[in-house]
N, C-alpha and C. Protein backbone atom coordinates (compact mmCIF):
# COMPACT_ATOMS: atom_id res chain seq x y z
N UNK A 1 289.91 127.20 78.35
CA UNK A 1 289.18 127.63 79.65
C UNK A 1 288.46 126.52 79.98
N UNK A 2 287.46 125.89 79.43
CA UNK A 2 286.82 124.96 79.98
C UNK A 2 287.40 123.73 80.26
N UNK A 3 288.54 123.28 79.63
CA UNK A 3 289.47 122.48 80.20
C UNK A 3 290.10 122.48 81.50
N UNK A 4 290.47 123.88 81.58
CA UNK A 4 291.08 124.15 82.88
C UNK A 4 290.19 123.94 84.04
N UNK A 5 288.81 124.22 83.99
CA UNK A 5 287.76 124.41 84.70
C UNK A 5 287.59 122.78 85.27
N UNK A 6 287.43 122.02 84.11
CA UNK A 6 287.07 120.72 84.53
C UNK A 6 288.44 119.83 85.26
N UNK A 7 289.43 120.15 84.76
CA UNK A 7 290.63 119.71 85.40
C UNK A 7 290.64 120.38 87.00
N UNK A 8 290.52 121.38 87.04
CA UNK A 8 290.39 122.10 88.52
C UNK A 8 289.77 121.39 89.47
N UNK A 9 288.09 121.03 89.16
CA UNK A 9 287.22 120.56 89.89
C UNK A 9 287.54 119.14 89.92
N UNK A 10 288.22 118.44 89.07
CA UNK A 10 288.07 116.88 89.28
C UNK A 10 289.34 116.85 90.39
N UNK A 11 290.43 117.62 90.18
CA UNK A 11 291.59 117.45 91.16
C UNK A 11 291.23 117.68 92.43
N UNK A 12 290.28 118.77 92.69
CA UNK A 12 289.86 119.00 94.00
C UNK A 12 289.10 117.73 94.64
N UNK A 13 288.51 116.81 93.70
CA UNK A 13 287.69 115.91 94.08
C UNK A 13 288.27 114.61 94.54
N UNK A 14 289.35 114.22 93.64
CA UNK A 14 290.04 112.91 93.88
C UNK A 14 291.13 112.85 95.12
N UNK A 15 291.55 111.63 95.35
CA UNK A 15 292.80 111.55 96.23
C UNK A 15 294.08 111.34 95.44
N UNK A 16 294.06 111.35 94.27
CA UNK A 16 295.25 111.25 93.32
C UNK A 16 295.13 112.20 92.36
N UNK A 17 295.35 113.25 92.68
CA UNK A 17 295.17 114.23 91.49
C UNK A 17 296.21 114.35 90.43
N UNK A 18 297.46 113.60 90.49
CA UNK A 18 298.30 113.48 89.53
C UNK A 18 297.90 112.43 88.37
N UNK A 19 296.73 111.80 88.70
CA UNK A 19 296.00 110.82 87.80
C UNK A 19 294.97 111.40 86.62
N UNK A 20 294.76 112.69 87.19
CA UNK A 20 293.64 113.30 86.63
C UNK A 20 294.24 113.91 85.23
N UNK A 21 293.65 113.47 83.99
CA UNK A 21 293.91 114.19 82.83
C UNK A 21 292.66 114.43 81.81
N UNK A 22 292.90 115.56 81.27
CA UNK A 22 291.56 116.10 80.24
C UNK A 22 291.92 116.24 78.84
N UNK A 23 291.45 115.52 77.97
CA UNK A 23 291.93 115.99 76.62
C UNK A 23 290.77 116.38 75.72
N UNK A 24 290.82 117.26 74.84
CA UNK A 24 290.01 118.01 74.11
C UNK A 24 289.85 117.47 72.81
N UNK A 25 288.48 117.14 72.54
CA UNK A 25 288.32 116.92 70.92
C UNK A 25 287.42 117.73 70.35
N UNK A 26 288.12 118.77 69.29
CA UNK A 26 287.14 119.97 68.80
C UNK A 26 286.56 119.04 67.53
N UNK A 27 285.33 119.74 67.67
CA UNK A 27 284.72 119.55 66.25
C UNK A 27 284.11 120.88 65.58
N UNK A 28 283.19 120.88 64.72
CA UNK A 28 282.78 122.25 64.15
C UNK A 28 282.17 123.13 64.98
N UNK A 29 280.90 122.44 65.67
CA UNK A 29 279.72 123.27 66.81
C UNK A 29 280.04 122.87 68.00
N UNK A 30 280.75 121.90 68.27
CA UNK A 30 281.03 121.26 69.71
C UNK A 30 282.50 120.92 69.99
N UNK A 31 282.68 120.69 71.29
CA UNK A 31 283.89 120.24 71.86
C UNK A 31 283.59 119.14 73.10
N UNK A 32 284.40 118.16 72.95
CA UNK A 32 284.10 116.96 73.97
C UNK A 32 285.27 116.98 74.54
N UNK A 33 285.17 117.00 75.86
CA UNK A 33 286.02 116.73 77.06
C UNK A 33 286.06 115.43 77.43
N UNK A 34 287.27 114.89 77.35
CA UNK A 34 287.28 113.58 77.95
C UNK A 34 288.20 113.38 79.30
N UNK A 35 287.65 113.12 80.54
CA UNK A 35 287.96 113.41 81.65
C UNK A 35 288.57 111.88 82.32
N UNK A 36 289.78 111.64 82.78
CA UNK A 36 290.26 110.48 82.75
C UNK A 36 290.85 110.42 84.39
N UNK A 37 290.55 109.70 85.28
CA UNK A 37 290.82 109.60 86.95
C UNK A 37 291.26 108.20 87.18
N UNK A 38 292.20 108.14 88.37
CA UNK A 38 292.54 106.66 88.75
C UNK A 38 291.18 106.01 89.07
N UNK A 39 291.32 104.66 88.54
CA UNK A 39 290.25 103.70 88.67
C UNK A 39 289.69 103.86 90.33
N UNK A 40 290.12 103.90 91.26
CA UNK A 40 289.58 104.14 92.62
C UNK A 40 288.78 105.66 92.73
N UNK A 41 289.26 106.59 91.94
CA UNK A 41 288.71 107.62 92.35
C UNK A 41 287.18 107.93 91.34
N UNK A 42 287.06 107.12 90.48
CA UNK A 42 285.96 107.34 89.40
C UNK A 42 284.70 107.62 90.07
N UNK A 43 284.56 106.87 91.15
CA UNK A 43 283.26 107.01 91.94
C UNK A 43 283.10 108.52 92.77
N UNK A 44 284.00 109.05 93.24
CA UNK A 44 284.15 110.44 93.43
C UNK A 44 283.88 111.31 92.56
N UNK A 45 284.04 111.31 91.35
CA UNK A 45 284.02 112.11 89.95
C UNK A 45 282.66 111.86 89.55
N UNK A 46 282.04 110.86 89.48
CA UNK A 46 280.60 110.59 89.34
C UNK A 46 279.56 110.95 90.29
N UNK A 47 279.98 110.46 91.68
CA UNK A 47 279.04 110.81 92.65
C UNK A 47 277.86 109.96 92.85
N UNK A 48 276.93 110.11 93.94
CA UNK A 48 275.96 109.14 94.16
C UNK A 48 274.77 109.57 93.19
N UNK A 49 274.44 108.88 92.70
CA UNK A 49 273.36 108.96 91.43
C UNK A 49 273.75 110.02 90.33
N UNK A 50 275.16 110.01 90.14
CA UNK A 50 275.55 110.89 89.09
C UNK A 50 275.60 112.22 89.29
N UNK A 51 275.22 112.71 90.54
CA UNK A 51 274.87 114.33 90.84
C UNK A 51 276.10 115.07 90.72
N UNK A 52 277.48 114.56 90.99
CA UNK A 52 278.72 115.40 90.97
C UNK A 52 278.93 115.68 89.22
N UNK A 53 278.63 114.70 88.32
CA UNK A 53 279.14 114.86 87.46
C UNK A 53 277.95 115.71 86.35
N UNK A 54 276.80 115.32 87.04
CA UNK A 54 275.91 116.35 86.72
C UNK A 54 276.08 117.58 86.77
N UNK A 55 276.50 117.82 88.13
CA UNK A 55 276.89 119.57 88.43
C UNK A 55 277.83 120.08 87.69
N UNK A 56 278.86 118.97 87.22
CA UNK A 56 280.10 119.55 86.61
C UNK A 56 279.58 119.97 85.11
N UNK A 57 278.73 119.05 84.65
CA UNK A 57 278.28 119.28 83.14
C UNK A 57 277.37 120.82 83.14
N UNK A 58 276.48 120.87 84.28
CA UNK A 58 275.96 122.29 84.52
C UNK A 58 276.85 123.45 84.61
N UNK A 59 277.90 123.34 85.38
CA UNK A 59 278.90 124.48 85.53
C UNK A 59 279.74 124.60 83.97
N UNK A 60 279.97 123.45 83.43
CA UNK A 60 280.52 123.45 82.06
C UNK A 60 279.84 124.05 81.12
N UNK A 61 278.33 123.53 80.93
CA UNK A 61 277.51 124.53 80.04
C UNK A 61 277.46 125.87 80.25
N UNK A 62 277.46 126.32 81.46
CA UNK A 62 277.29 127.51 81.70
C UNK A 62 278.45 128.25 81.36
N UNK A 63 279.50 127.83 81.72
CA UNK A 63 280.72 128.56 81.29
C UNK A 63 281.01 128.58 79.73
N UNK A 64 280.74 127.66 79.10
CA UNK A 64 280.67 127.70 77.57
C UNK A 64 279.69 128.39 76.87
N UNK A 65 278.91 129.14 77.55
CA UNK A 65 277.70 129.76 76.83
C UNK A 65 278.02 130.96 76.08
N UNK A 66 279.02 131.65 76.43
CA UNK A 66 279.58 132.91 75.72
C UNK A 66 280.31 132.60 74.54
N UNK A 67 280.85 131.45 74.27
CA UNK A 67 281.73 131.10 73.31
C UNK A 67 280.99 130.44 72.02
N UNK A 68 279.58 130.18 72.53
CA UNK A 68 278.57 129.82 71.32
C UNK A 68 278.86 128.26 70.81
N UNK A 69 279.82 127.64 71.56
CA UNK A 69 280.18 126.17 71.15
C UNK A 69 279.47 125.37 72.28
N UNK A 70 279.10 124.04 71.96
CA UNK A 70 278.75 123.44 72.82
C UNK A 70 279.66 122.35 73.49
N UNK A 71 279.78 122.20 74.72
CA UNK A 71 280.97 121.55 75.47
C UNK A 71 280.15 120.41 76.11
N UNK A 72 280.83 119.06 76.00
CA UNK A 72 280.28 117.91 76.47
C UNK A 72 281.39 117.18 77.26
N UNK A 73 281.03 116.65 78.38
CA UNK A 73 282.08 116.16 79.46
C UNK A 73 281.79 114.73 79.29
N UNK A 74 282.76 113.89 78.95
CA UNK A 74 282.70 112.49 79.10
C UNK A 74 283.55 112.14 80.05
N UNK A 75 283.17 111.21 81.07
CA UNK A 75 284.03 110.57 82.22
C UNK A 75 284.27 109.06 81.55
N UNK A 76 285.65 108.66 81.24
CA UNK A 76 286.09 107.93 80.65
C UNK A 76 286.81 106.87 81.92
N UNK A 77 286.72 105.63 81.84
CA UNK A 77 287.40 104.53 82.61
C UNK A 77 288.64 103.93 82.29
């Protein structure tokens, strides 16, 4: 569910939604979501002073609260 949420938000922000990919790395107590976008769209996903990335992480942590697992978002270039 969190993977779909991150993918939806990222595709809404970028110019090239086809280049958006989210991969999931499972651990015992945490999950890492790795977000990849086109190089020209990386600034749109991070935002000025990292505000958009921080907001995405906040929504993600609120969404994952019920599952009891910690979910981390990493934006890869």
